[in-house]
Amino acid sequence: MARRAIIIGAGPAGLTAALEFLRKTDVKPIVLEASGEIGGISRTIRYKGNRMDIGGHRFFSKSDRVMQWWMELMPPVLGEDGSPTGVQISYHGKQREVSVPAHLSEEPPLRGLGPLKAEDGDVSDDEVVEQEDVETVVVAPAPESDDLVMLVRPRKSRIYYLRKFFDYPIKLTGNTINNLGPIRMVKIGYSYVMSRVSPIKKEKSLEDFLINRFGRELYLTFFKSYTEKVWGTPCDKISAEWGAQRIKGLSLTTAVKHFMKKTFARKPKGAASSDVAQKGTDTSLIERFLYPKFGPGQLWEHVAEKVVAMGGEIHMGWKVDAIEVDGGRVTAVEAVNDGGERQRFYGDYFISTMPMRELVQALRTEIPANVLEVSEGLQYRDFITVGVLANKLDVTEPEGGLIKDTWIYIQEPDVLLGRLQIFNNWSPYMVADPTKVWIGLEYFCYDTDALWAMADEDLKKFAAQELEKIGILKTVEVLDAHVVRVPKTYPAYFGTYNRFEELRKFTDSFDNLFLVGRNGMHKYNNQDHSMLTAMAVVDGIAAGHVDKASIWGINTEQEYHEEKAKKD
């Protein structure tokens, strides 16, 4: 009888595991998805011909393996003449050159996974960003259809604060200096010098982490209010590990270096400004990323189709609420659908992307009191996005056209709005009528908040009024709106998280249970990190041994900071 893997959740991690099983093993994947939608938080919402991306998903990774995986499924679109042109994209100072079309050869199973923890001799925070651009050729086959393609999109994100636009990430530019004014700039410079002269020696919180890298004044200006808006918790109550995972290597020193380099560096003779690569130029100013033609959910729907076509199973609308255990192994799960029907699924391997708190609640075995306490104390931040269709925005490019941002971080403390997406700029195919503006207003809250409970119609009006209040849009220009609520979008690094190791040790004790993905590991992973955790599990099963510690190490930078502190 063929071996079976029961996979809980049809998001990026779950579907990656399913396809990898079919490609590399004789294990049959059976995916159980509680909702009726494919893709998890990477799904695409459809509304009257328009599409919404929940939170925004840029398809770029430092992992060649992930890039290759995406490219095989949805190659970058060809040039206008259909020629197999090469395209170079960059993101966060890293570059990937994509050549299409080309034959896709098999790659080593662990290619691109990279070191799972820092080794001796790793470079400092500042040097991480300043290193030379990394160029890796990733090849892709010809697309299966004109629609199953990735678009190469320009990346532009800014901060909106004091009713003005600032670069994101913050850069020391003339625009930044003019917007902040001389007095605030002097305060920022002085407080940063003080943070370098007398740093907080033991970083216990996110506040400590940010002050050490940016100084107290810049922290108070750009980081504190927005971060607390996102998490609903004071920065001094959030673990420093959040910064280690999400900010990685940025500091004011880095910004100054970039400013000096850009201002005084000589241009190579004969350098053409139209060169796609723009060698010698600060890549953060010319970044590109890949994006599915019809939004992120298009890729995951395509993956799901392949899984089923290759012999896997995907059961939609089945919520796992019981996990049966015999000794140190999981033997089966029980799931229930909306009609109250129950079904038991037996398997040899069990891969979970469900929130860890729900996982522990579902385990049909004795749970140690300390483990239960940690599990029940885990916290999550919920998310609301309001899609707004409008005739035009009040803010424009200098020439008067639609602003080119994909994301705008709203730092204004007098509104609840956290981020703003302009879906037209992610892909023109996200908008049914290209003469209109289709935007997404993002709110961070708890499911116990009044905002979460607000009626949809009231929430639509509230969102439009907030945009008018800060000068982004006039409510009379609004044509339509749509509300989407997404529970447990962000696993939080507070609550009982400081005791997370107790919970992890318990779940790791089940030999054939593997936790992957963002909620599955209660880890603020990006899409590519979630995929890598799933790939690593399948690789291990194929090889006969899964190193769970290595899986937990994916996208973990804190060990490096701790090791560096010891050396200092």
Protein backbone atom coordinates (compact mmCIF):
# COMPACT_ATOMS: atom_id res chain seq x y z
CA MET A 1 0.00 0.00 0.00
CA ALA A 2 1.34 3.44 -0.94
CA ARG A 3 2.49 5.72 1.85
CA ARG A 4 0.24 8.70 2.56
CA ALA A 5 0.96 12.21 3.84
CA ILE A 6 -1.91 14.09 5.41
CA ILE A 7 -1.33 17.81 4.89
CA ILE A 8 -3.41 20.26 6.92
CA GLY A 9 -3.89 23.47 4.95
CA ALA A 10 -3.82 24.43 1.25
CA GLY A 11 -1.65 27.53 1.58
CA PRO A 12 1.88 27.95 0.14
CA ALA A 13 3.56 25.56 2.61
CA GLY A 14 0.92 22.84 2.33
CA LEU A 15 0.70 22.93 -1.45
CA THR A 16 4.48 23.09 -1.82
CA ALA A 17 4.78 19.94 0.30
CA ALA A 18 2.10 18.20 -1.77
CA LEU A 19 3.75 18.93 -5.12
CA GLU A 20 7.22 18.06 -3.79
CA PHE A 21 5.95 14.67 -2.54
CA LEU A 22 4.58 13.89 -6.00
CA ARG A 23 7.75 14.99 -7.75
CA LYS A 24 10.30 13.30 -5.51
CA THR A 25 8.68 10.40 -3.63
CA ASP A 26 6.06 7.67 -3.86
CA VAL A 27 4.13 9.29 -1.00
CA LYS A 28 0.57 10.31 -1.86
CA PRO A 29 -0.37 13.74 -0.48
CA ILE A 30 -3.88 14.31 0.86
CA VAL A 31 -4.53 18.00 1.53
CA LEU A 32 -7.31 19.08 3.90
CA GLU A 33 -8.35 22.73 3.65
CA ALA A 34 -10.85 24.16 6.12
CA SER A 35 -12.00 26.99 3.86
CA GLY A 36 -13.32 26.94 0.33
CA GLU A 37 -10.33 28.81 -1.09
CA ILE A 38 -6.86 27.81 -2.28
CA GLY A 39 -3.73 29.73 -1.26
CA GLY A 40 -4.17 30.69 2.40
CA ILE A 41 -3.23 34.34 2.88
CA SER A 42 -1.57 34.15 -0.57
CA ARG A 43 -4.95 33.68 -2.25
CA THR A 44 -6.49 36.15 -4.70
CA ILE A 45 -9.87 37.66 -3.81
CA ARG A 46 -12.23 38.23 -6.76
CA TYR A 47 -14.84 40.97 -6.71
CA LYS A 48 -16.84 42.09 -9.75
CA GLY A 49 -13.98 41.42 -12.13
CA ASN A 50 -11.42 43.05 -9.84
CA ARG A 51 -8.81 41.13 -7.84
CA MET A 52 -7.32 41.74 -4.41
CA ASP A 53 -4.03 40.54 -2.95
CA ILE A 54 -4.23 40.06 0.83
CA GLY A 55 -1.24 41.91 2.25
CA GLY A 56 0.74 42.03 -0.99
CA HIS A 57 3.00 39.18 -2.17
CA ARG A 58 6.14 40.04 -4.10
CA PHE A 59 7.63 37.00 -5.76
CA PHE A 60 11.34 37.32 -5.09
CA SER A 61 13.56 35.12 -2.98
CA LYS A 62 17.22 34.83 -2.05
CA SER A 63 16.72 31.09 -2.52
CA ASP A 64 17.52 29.90 -6.04
CA ARG A 65 15.44 26.84 -5.36
CA VAL A 66 12.29 28.84 -4.66
CA MET A 67 12.90 31.09 -7.66
CA GLN A 68 13.39 28.04 -9.87
CA TRP A 69 10.21 26.44 -8.44
CA TRP A 70 8.12 29.52 -9.24
CA MET A 71 9.72 29.95 -12.64
CA GLU A 72 8.95 26.40 -13.72
CA LEU A 73 5.27 26.85 -12.92
CA MET A 74 4.81 30.39 -14.20
CA PRO A 75 7.70 31.73 -16.31
CA PRO A 76 8.23 35.48 -16.72
CA VAL A 77 6.35 36.95 -19.66
CA LEU A 78 8.30 37.14 -22.93
CA GLY A 79 9.28 40.34 -24.66
CA GLU A 80 6.69 42.13 -26.76
CA ASP A 81 8.04 40.44 -29.90
CA GLY A 82 7.90 37.01 -28.24
CA SER A 83 11.67 36.66 -28.27
CA PRO A 84 13.45 34.68 -25.52
CA THR A 85 14.89 37.77 -23.88
CA GLY A 86 16.66 37.78 -20.55
CA VAL A 87 15.25 39.87 -17.72
CA GLN A 88 17.11 40.94 -14.62
CA ILE A 89 15.19 41.65 -11.45
CA SER A 90 16.36 42.83 -8.06
CA TYR A 91 14.89 43.03 -4.60
CA HIS A 92 16.47 44.12 -1.30
CA GLY A 93 19.85 44.48 -2.95
CA LYS A 94 19.88 40.98 -4.45
CA GLN A 95 19.51 40.23 -8.13
CA ARG A 96 18.24 37.33 -10.16
CA GLU A 97 18.65 37.08 -13.93
CA VAL A 98 15.85 35.18 -15.60
CA SER A 99 16.29 33.75 -19.10
CA VAL A 100 13.22 32.50 -20.97
CA PRO A 101 12.42 30.12 -22.49
CA ALA A 102 14.87 27.34 -21.62
CA HIS A 103 14.87 23.70 -20.68
CA LEU A 104 14.42 23.22 -16.95
CA SER A 105 16.86 20.61 -15.67
CA GLU A 106 16.51 18.74 -12.39
CA GLU A 107 18.24 20.45 -9.50
CA PRO A 108 19.87 19.00 -6.37
CA PRO A 109 17.25 18.53 -3.63
CA LEU A 110 18.82 21.03 -1.23
CA ARG A 111 19.92 23.66 -3.73
CA GLY A 112 19.25 27.16 -2.49
CA LEU A 113 18.23 26.15 1.01
CA GLY A 114 21.35 27.86 2.30
CA PRO A 115 22.89 27.80 5.77
CA LEU A 116 20.28 27.44 8.49
CA LYS A 117 22.31 29.30 11.08
CA ALA A 118 25.14 31.76 11.00
CA GLU A 119 28.66 30.39 10.95
CA ASP A 120 31.75 31.90 12.55
CA GLY A 121 33.06 34.79 10.51
CA ASP A 122 29.69 36.08 9.35
CA VAL A 123 29.70 39.72 8.39
CA SER A 124 28.26 42.51 10.52
CA ASP A 125 24.77 43.98 10.19
CA ASP A 126 25.96 46.88 8.06
CA GLU A 127 28.07 44.70 5.79
CA VAL A 128 25.13 42.42 5.07
CA VAL A 129 23.45 45.15 3.06
CA GLU A 130 26.65 46.56 1.56
CA GLN A 131 27.93 43.34 0.00
CA GLU A 132 28.18 43.03 -3.78
CA ASP A 133 25.02 42.26 -5.70
CA VAL A 134 24.46 38.55 -6.14
CA GLU A 135 23.56 37.50 -9.65
CA THR A 136 22.23 34.01 -10.30
CA VAL A 137 20.78 32.76 -13.53
CA VAL A 138 17.44 31.05 -13.07
CA VAL A 139 16.01 29.39 -16.17
CA ALA A 140 12.42 28.64 -16.99
CA PRO A 141 10.46 26.73 -19.63
CA ALA A 142 8.11 28.32 -22.11
CA PRO A 143 4.78 29.22 -20.45
CA GLU A 144 1.89 26.77 -20.75
CA SER A 145 -0.39 29.63 -21.81
CA ASP A 146 -0.37 33.40 -22.22
CA ASP A 147 -2.01 33.73 -18.81
CA LEU A 148 0.23 31.37 -16.80
CA VAL A 149 3.04 33.90 -16.60
CA MET A 150 4.82 36.14 -14.13
CA LEU A 151 4.99 39.84 -14.87
CA VAL A 152 8.19 41.73 -14.06
CA ARG A 153 7.00 44.68 -12.00
CA PRO A 154 8.79 47.76 -10.62
CA ARG A 155 8.90 47.91 -6.85
CA LYS A 156 8.08 51.23 -5.24
CA SER A 157 7.02 51.56 -1.62
CA ARG A 158 6.88 54.75 0.40
CA ILE A 159 5.94 55.97 3.84
CA TYR A 160 3.18 58.55 4.24
CA TYR A 161 3.83 60.71 7.31
CA LEU A 162 3.17 64.38 8.13
CA ARG A 163 0.99 64.27 4.97
CA LYS A 164 4.21 63.78 2.97
CA PHE A 165 5.87 60.88 1.17
CA PHE A 166 9.16 59.38 2.41
CA ASP A 167 11.26 56.65 0.82
CA TYR A 168 10.82 53.13 2.13
CA PRO A 169 13.07 51.78 3.49
CA ILE A 170 14.06 55.15 4.94
CA LYS A 171 16.99 56.61 3.01
CA LEU A 172 19.05 59.69 3.75
CA THR A 173 18.01 61.72 0.73
CA GLY A 174 17.25 65.35 0.07
CA ASN A 175 13.54 64.53 0.17
CA THR A 176 13.88 62.96 3.63
CA ILE A 177 15.88 65.91 4.97
CA ASN A 178 13.45 68.48 3.56
CA ASN A 179 10.40 66.62 4.85
CA LEU A 180 11.76 66.25 8.39
CA GLY A 181 13.31 69.71 8.69
CA PRO A 182 16.66 70.73 10.22
CA ILE A 183 15.66 70.57 13.90
CA ARG A 184 14.32 67.03 13.73
CA MET A 185 17.34 65.95 11.64
CA VAL A 186 19.75 67.25 14.29
CA LYS A 187 17.83 65.35 16.98
CA ILE A 188 17.94 62.18 14.87
CA GLY A 189 21.70 62.51 14.28
CA TYR A 190 22.46 63.18 17.94
CA SER A 191 20.34 60.32 19.26
CA TYR A 192 21.89 57.92 16.75
CA VAL A 193 25.41 58.87 17.84
CA MET A 194 24.37 58.26 21.44
CA SER A 195 22.96 54.83 20.52
CA ARG A 196 26.32 53.89 19.00
CA VAL A 197 28.37 55.28 21.86
CA SER A 198 26.20 53.76 24.56
CA PRO A 199 24.05 50.96 23.05
CA ILE A 200 21.58 48.89 25.00
CA LYS A 201 23.80 45.90 25.79
CA LYS A 202 21.11 43.27 26.18
CA GLU A 203 18.34 43.57 23.62
CA LYS A 204 15.24 42.23 25.34
CA SER A 205 12.58 43.90 23.23
CA LEU A 206 11.88 45.19 19.75
CA GLU A 207 12.24 48.71 21.16
CA ASP A 208 15.81 47.90 22.25
CA PHE A 209 16.57 46.34 18.87
CA LEU A 210 15.36 49.40 16.92
CA ILE A 211 16.95 52.03 19.16
CA ASN A 212 20.33 50.32 18.85
CA ARG A 213 20.14 50.45 15.05
CA PHE A 214 18.41 53.78 14.42
CA GLY A 215 18.66 55.88 17.58
CA ARG A 216 15.77 56.85 19.85
CA GLU A 217 14.59 59.87 17.83
CA LEU A 218 14.31 58.01 14.52
CA TYR A 219 12.69 55.10 16.34
CA LEU A 220 10.05 57.43 17.77
CA THR A 221 9.56 59.14 14.39
CA PHE A 222 9.20 56.18 12.05
CA PHE A 223 9.02 52.92 13.92
CA LYS A 224 7.17 53.11 17.23
CA SER A 225 3.69 54.31 16.26
CA TYR A 226 3.44 52.23 13.08
CA THR A 227 4.72 49.03 14.71
CA GLU A 228 2.29 49.45 17.60
CA LYS A 229 -0.50 50.12 15.10
CA VAL A 230 0.34 46.82 13.40
CA TRP A 231 0.72 44.73 16.55
CA GLY A 232 -1.56 46.50 19.01
CA THR A 233 1.14 46.08 21.66
CA PRO A 234 3.88 48.43 22.94
CA CYS A 235 7.26 47.84 21.29
CA ASP A 236 8.87 47.19 24.67
CA LYS A 237 6.56 44.17 25.04
CA ILE A 238 7.49 42.61 21.68
CA SER A 239 10.41 40.19 21.42
CA ALA A 240 13.64 41.40 19.81
CA GLU A 241 13.41 38.29 17.63
CA TRP A 242 10.78 40.04 15.52
CA GLY A 243 13.40 42.58 14.44
CA ALA A 244 15.98 39.87 13.85
CA GLN A 245 13.62 38.14 11.40
CA ARG A 246 11.97 41.09 9.70
CA ILE A 247 14.50 43.93 9.65
CA LYS A 248 17.81 42.06 9.16
CA GLY A 249 20.86 44.18 8.66
CA LEU A 250 19.34 47.64 8.31
CA SER A 251 20.63 50.59 10.33
CA LEU A 252 21.11 54.34 10.01
CA THR A 253 24.78 53.71 9.24
CA THR A 254 23.71 51.72 6.20
CA ALA A 255 21.46 54.55 5.05
CA VAL A 256 24.31 57.07 5.34
CA LYS A 257 26.66 54.78 3.39
CA HIS A 258 24.09 54.44 0.60
CA PHE A 259 23.60 58.21 0.54
CA MET A 260 27.34 58.91 0.31
CA LYS A 261 27.84 56.21 -2.31
CA LYS A 262 25.01 57.53 -4.45
CA THR A 263 26.09 61.14 -4.08
CA PHE A 264 29.83 60.85 -4.68
CA ALA A 265 30.40 57.58 -6.55
CA ARG A 266 31.64 57.98 -10.09
CA LYS A 267 29.62 56.55 -12.90
CA PRO A 268 31.52 54.07 -15.10
CA LYS A 269 32.38 55.56 -18.46
CA GLY A 270 29.82 54.73 -21.07
CA ALA A 271 27.29 53.55 -18.50
CA ALA A 272 23.83 53.75 -19.96
CA SER A 273 21.02 54.83 -17.73
CA SER A 274 18.67 52.58 -19.67
CA ASP A 275 20.70 49.46 -18.86
CA VAL A 276 18.33 47.03 -17.14
CA ALA A 277 21.05 45.97 -14.72
CA GLN A 278 22.13 49.58 -14.00
CA LYS A 279 25.49 48.38 -12.70
CA GLY A 280 27.04 50.56 -10.04
CA THR A 281 23.70 52.01 -9.01
CA ASP A 282 22.03 51.48 -5.65
CA THR A 283 19.81 48.52 -6.49
CA SER A 284 17.20 49.50 -3.89
CA LEU A 285 16.27 52.34 -6.26
CA ILE A 286 15.72 50.09 -9.30
CA GLU A 287 14.14 47.04 -7.75
CA ARG A 288 11.93 44.68 -9.69
CA PHE A 289 9.96 41.68 -8.61
CA LEU A 290 7.93 38.92 -10.21
CA TYR A 291 4.16 38.82 -9.87
CA PRO A 292 1.56 36.39 -11.26
CA LYS A 293 -0.56 37.98 -13.97
CA PHE A 294 -3.79 37.59 -11.98
CA GLY A 295 -2.41 37.81 -8.44
CA PRO A 296 -0.70 35.36 -6.07
CA GLY A 297 -3.65 33.00 -5.84
CA GLN A 298 -3.27 32.22 -9.54
CA LEU A 299 0.02 30.43 -8.89
CA TRP A 300 -1.33 28.40 -5.97
CA GLU A 301 -4.49 27.47 -7.88
CA HIS A 302 -2.20 26.22 -10.65
CA VAL A 303 -0.17 24.21 -8.11
CA ALA A 304 -3.39 22.69 -6.75
CA GLU A 305 -4.43 21.64 -10.26
CA LYS A 306 -1.05 19.95 -10.77
CA VAL A 307 -1.30 18.14 -7.43
CA VAL A 308 -4.66 16.63 -8.37
CA ALA A 309 -3.54 15.85 -11.94
CA MET A 310 -0.51 13.96 -10.60
CA GLY A 311 -2.58 11.79 -8.26
CA GLY A 312 -2.80 13.80 -5.06
CA GLU A 313 -6.04 14.71 -3.29
CA ILE A 314 -7.31 18.09 -2.10
CA HIS A 315 -10.44 18.18 0.07
CA MET A 316 -11.94 21.64 0.44
CA GLY A 317 -14.17 22.67 3.34
CA TRP A 318 -12.82 20.04 5.76
CA LYS A 319 -11.57 21.41 9.08
CA VAL A 320 -9.29 19.18 11.14
CA ASP A 321 -10.44 19.22 14.75
CA ALA A 322 -9.04 15.95 16.12
CA ILE A 323 -5.56 14.42 15.80
CA GLU A 324 -5.24 10.83 16.98
CA VAL A 325 -2.01 9.73 18.62
CA ASP A 326 -0.53 6.36 19.53
CA GLY A 327 2.61 6.66 21.60
CA GLY A 328 4.97 9.09 19.92
CA ARG A 329 3.27 8.97 16.52
CA VAL A 330 0.20 10.49 14.91
CA THR A 331 -2.02 7.83 13.33
CA ALA A 332 -4.96 9.77 11.88
CA VAL A 333 -6.86 13.03 11.84
CA GLU A 334 -10.58 13.68 11.94
CA ALA A 335 -12.13 16.51 9.97
CA VAL A 336 -15.60 18.01 9.85
CA ASN A 337 -17.31 19.94 7.06
CA ASP A 338 -19.96 22.68 7.18
CA GLY A 339 -22.70 20.07 7.00
CA GLY A 340 -21.47 18.42 10.19
CA GLU A 341 -20.21 15.30 8.41
CA ARG A 342 -17.06 13.77 9.87
CA GLN A 343 -14.29 11.81 8.18
CA ARG A 344 -11.13 10.12 9.41
CA PHE A 345 -7.93 10.30 7.35
CA TYR A 346 -5.13 7.82 8.06
CA GLY A 347 -1.55 8.52 7.07
CA ASP A 348 2.13 7.77 7.51
CA TYR A 349 3.24 11.41 7.72
CA PHE A 350 1.35 14.44 8.99
CA ILE A 351 2.26 17.99 7.97
CA SER A 352 0.47 20.83 9.74
CA THR A 353 0.12 24.48 8.76
CA MET A 354 -2.79 25.09 11.16
CA PRO A 355 -2.24 27.58 14.01
CA MET A 356 -0.27 25.90 16.80
CA ARG A 357 -2.88 26.77 19.40
CA GLU A 358 -5.53 24.91 17.38
CA LEU A 359 -3.13 22.04 16.76
CA VAL A 360 -2.60 21.45 20.47
CA GLN A 361 -6.33 21.72 21.12
CA ALA A 362 -6.94 19.02 18.50
CA LEU A 363 -4.39 16.51 19.83
CA ARG A 364 -6.13 13.53 21.42
CA THR A 365 -3.49 12.83 24.03
CA GLU A 366 -2.53 14.13 27.43
CA ILE A 367 -1.04 17.61 27.14
CA PRO A 368 1.43 18.68 29.85
CA ALA A 369 0.10 21.66 31.81
CA ASN A 370 3.03 23.91 30.90
CA VAL A 371 2.64 23.14 27.18
CA LEU A 372 -1.07 23.88 27.30
CA GLU A 373 -0.38 27.15 29.10
CA VAL A 374 2.10 28.25 26.42
CA SER A 375 -0.18 27.17 23.59
CA GLU A 376 -3.24 28.96 24.95
CA GLY A 377 -1.16 32.07 25.55
CA LEU A 378 0.00 32.42 21.94
CA GLN A 379 -1.41 35.52 20.33
CA TYR A 380 -2.25 36.43 16.74
CA ARG A 381 -2.96 39.68 14.99
CA ASP A 382 -5.95 39.68 12.66
CA PHE A 383 -6.30 41.61 9.43
CA ILE A 384 -8.96 43.49 7.47
CA THR A 385 -8.53 44.74 3.93
CA VAL A 386 -11.05 47.04 2.31
CA GLY A 387 -10.94 47.17 -1.47
CA VAL A 388 -11.98 50.60 -2.75
CA LEU A 389 -12.74 51.36 -6.40
CA ALA A 390 -12.43 55.06 -7.23
CA ASN A 391 -12.27 57.45 -10.15
CA LYS A 392 -8.99 58.99 -9.01
CA LEU A 393 -6.75 59.77 -6.05
CA ASP A 394 -5.86 63.24 -4.78
CA VAL A 395 -2.16 62.33 -4.67
CA THR A 396 -0.46 61.96 -8.04
CA GLU A 397 2.93 61.68 -9.71
CA PRO A 398 4.54 65.07 -10.59
CA GLU A 399 3.23 64.79 -14.16
CA GLY A 400 -0.28 64.17 -12.84
CA GLY A 401 -0.66 60.43 -13.38
CA LEU A 402 -1.48 57.67 -10.92
CA ILE A 403 1.21 57.32 -8.27
CA LYS A 404 3.47 54.34 -8.99
CA ASP A 405 3.58 52.83 -5.50
CA THR A 406 2.64 49.23 -4.89
CA TRP A 407 2.51 49.73 -1.11
CA ILE A 408 2.25 52.86 1.01
CA TYR A 409 2.87 52.62 4.76
CA ILE A 410 0.52 54.99 6.55
CA GLN A 411 2.41 56.36 9.56
CA GLU A 412 -0.17 59.02 10.42
CA PRO A 413 -1.21 58.51 14.06
CA ASP A 414 -4.64 60.11 13.60
CA VAL A 415 -6.01 57.21 11.51
CA LEU A 416 -6.23 53.46 12.08
CA LEU A 417 -5.23 52.68 8.49
CA GLY A 418 -1.90 50.84 8.41
CA ARG A 419 -1.02 50.24 4.77
CA LEU A 420 -2.41 51.08 1.37
CA GLN A 421 -2.03 48.93 -1.74
CA ILE A 422 -2.59 50.16 -5.29
CA PHE A 423 -3.58 47.01 -7.14
CA ASN A 424 -3.22 48.68 -10.57
CA ASN A 425 0.53 48.79 -9.95
CA TRP A 426 0.86 45.16 -8.85
CA SER A 427 -0.64 44.02 -12.14
CA PRO A 428 -2.87 45.89 -14.60
CA TYR A 429 -4.89 42.67 -14.86
CA MET A 430 -6.04 43.06 -11.24
CA VAL A 431 -8.43 45.84 -12.35
CA ALA A 432 -11.49 45.29 -14.54
CA ASP A 433 -11.56 48.91 -15.79
CA PRO A 434 -8.03 50.34 -16.25
CA THR A 435 -9.39 53.90 -16.17
CA LYS A 436 -10.31 53.42 -12.49
CA VAL A 437 -8.14 53.13 -9.39
CA TRP A 438 -8.44 49.91 -7.38
CA ILE A 439 -6.83 50.14 -3.94
CA GLY A 440 -6.67 48.06 -0.77
CA LEU A 441 -6.80 49.62 2.69
CA GLU A 442 -5.19 47.39 5.31
CA TYR A 443 -6.14 47.38 8.98
CA PHE A 444 -4.52 45.39 11.77
CA CYS A 445 -6.68 44.43 14.72
CA TYR A 446 -7.88 41.65 17.02
CA ASP A 447 -11.07 39.75 16.36
CA THR A 448 -12.35 41.17 19.65
CA ASP A 449 -11.96 44.78 18.49
CA ALA A 450 -14.87 47.01 17.50
CA LEU A 451 -13.32 47.44 14.05
CA TRP A 452 -13.51 43.69 13.37
CA ALA A 453 -17.18 43.62 14.42
CA MET A 454 -18.14 46.69 12.39
CA ALA A 455 -20.75 46.05 9.69
CA ASP A 456 -19.32 45.90 6.17
CA GLU A 457 -21.17 48.99 4.93
CA ASP A 458 -20.03 51.03 7.93
CA LEU A 459 -16.48 49.80 7.47
CA LYS A 460 -16.48 50.85 3.80
CA LYS A 461 -17.57 54.39 4.76
CA PHE A 462 -15.07 54.52 7.63
CA ALA A 463 -12.19 53.50 5.35
CA ALA A 464 -13.04 56.07 2.67
CA GLN A 465 -13.34 58.81 5.31
CA GLU A 466 -9.90 57.96 6.67
CA LEU A 467 -8.41 58.36 3.19
CA GLU A 468 -10.09 61.73 2.82
CA LYS A 469 -8.87 62.82 6.26
CA ILE A 470 -5.22 62.34 5.31
CA GLY A 471 -5.57 63.78 1.81
CA ILE A 472 -5.30 60.61 -0.29
CA LEU A 473 -8.77 60.54 -1.83
CA LYS A 474 -12.11 62.36 -1.75
CA THR A 475 -15.05 60.19 -0.72
CA VAL A 476 -17.14 61.52 -3.64
CA GLU A 477 -14.74 59.69 -5.99
CA VAL A 478 -15.51 56.28 -4.44
CA LEU A 479 -17.51 54.00 -6.76
CA ASP A 480 -17.59 50.69 -4.88
CA ALA A 481 -15.91 48.80 -2.04
CA HIS A 482 -15.44 45.27 -0.71
CA VAL A 483 -14.45 44.02 2.77
CA VAL A 484 -12.32 40.94 3.52
CA ARG A 485 -11.51 39.75 7.05
CA VAL A 486 -8.57 37.42 7.59
CA PRO A 487 -8.14 35.89 11.08
CA LYS A 488 -4.74 34.94 12.51
CA THR A 489 -2.75 36.62 9.77
CA TYR A 490 0.25 37.50 11.94
CA PRO A 491 1.64 35.19 14.64
CA ALA A 492 2.73 37.49 17.46
CA TYR A 493 6.04 37.59 19.31
CA PHE A 494 4.53 38.38 22.69
CA GLY A 495 2.04 36.72 25.02
CA THR A 496 3.67 33.42 26.04
CA TYR A 497 6.07 33.47 23.11
CA ASN A 498 9.05 33.83 25.47
CA ARG A 499 8.31 30.23 26.51
CA PHE A 500 7.81 28.97 22.97
CA GLU A 501 10.62 26.40 23.29
CA GLU A 502 8.48 24.38 25.72
CA LEU A 503 5.73 24.07 23.09
CA ARG A 504 8.14 23.35 20.26
CA LYS A 505 9.85 20.56 22.23
CA PHE A 506 6.46 18.92 22.80
CA THR A 507 5.27 19.05 19.18
CA ASP A 508 8.68 17.89 17.93
CA SER A 509 8.35 14.80 20.12
CA PHE A 510 5.82 13.29 17.69
CA ASP A 511 8.03 11.45 15.24
CA ASN A 512 5.87 11.77 12.12
CA LEU A 513 4.34 15.22 12.78
CA PHE A 514 5.97 18.14 11.00
CA LEU A 515 5.05 21.80 11.44
CA VAL A 516 5.62 24.12 8.48
CA GLY A 517 4.54 27.56 7.29
CA ARG A 518 3.74 30.80 9.08
CA ASN A 519 0.95 29.77 11.46
CA GLY A 520 2.09 26.15 11.54
CA MET A 521 5.36 27.25 13.19
CA HIS A 522 4.02 30.45 14.79
CA LYS A 523 6.76 32.24 12.89
CA TYR A 524 6.48 35.45 10.89
CA ASN A 525 7.73 33.82 7.68
CA ASN A 526 7.49 35.24 4.22
CA GLN A 527 5.98 33.08 1.49
CA ASP A 528 9.37 31.74 0.34
CA HIS A 529 10.45 30.81 3.86
CA SER A 530 7.20 28.89 4.34
CA MET A 531 7.87 27.04 1.10
CA LEU A 532 11.42 26.18 2.17
CA THR A 533 10.19 24.63 5.42
CA ALA A 534 7.87 22.37 3.41
CA MET A 535 10.62 21.50 0.92
CA ALA A 536 13.00 20.61 3.75
CA VAL A 537 10.46 18.21 5.30
CA VAL A 538 9.85 16.41 2.01
CA ASP A 539 13.59 16.26 1.31
CA GLY A 540 14.13 14.69 4.72
CA ILE A 541 11.35 12.14 4.27
CA ALA A 542 12.77 11.24 0.84
CA ALA A 543 16.22 10.80 2.40
CA GLY A 544 14.92 8.79 5.37
CA HIS A 545 15.48 11.36 8.12
CA VAL A 546 14.03 14.79 8.87
CA ASP A 547 16.18 17.18 10.91
CA LYS A 548 13.47 19.17 12.68
CA ALA A 549 15.98 21.58 14.22
CA SER A 550 17.11 22.60 10.73
CA ILE A 551 13.54 23.25 9.67
CA TRP A 552 13.01 25.54 12.64
CA GLY A 553 16.25 27.28 11.68
CA ILE A 554 14.95 28.51 8.33
CA ASN A 555 14.65 32.32 8.43
CA THR A 556 16.10 32.50 11.93
CA GLU A 557 18.66 35.25 12.40
CA GLN A 558 18.56 35.64 16.17
CA GLU A 559 21.33 33.07 16.71
CA TYR A 560 23.69 35.33 14.80
CA HIS A 561 22.87 38.37 16.92
CA GLU A 562 23.27 36.36 20.11
CA GLU A 563 26.60 34.95 18.91
CA LYS A 564 27.79 38.41 17.95
CA ALA A 565 26.82 39.74 21.39
CA LYS A 566 28.87 37.02 23.05
CA LYS A 567 31.92 37.96 21.00
CA ASP A 568 31.46 41.63 21.87
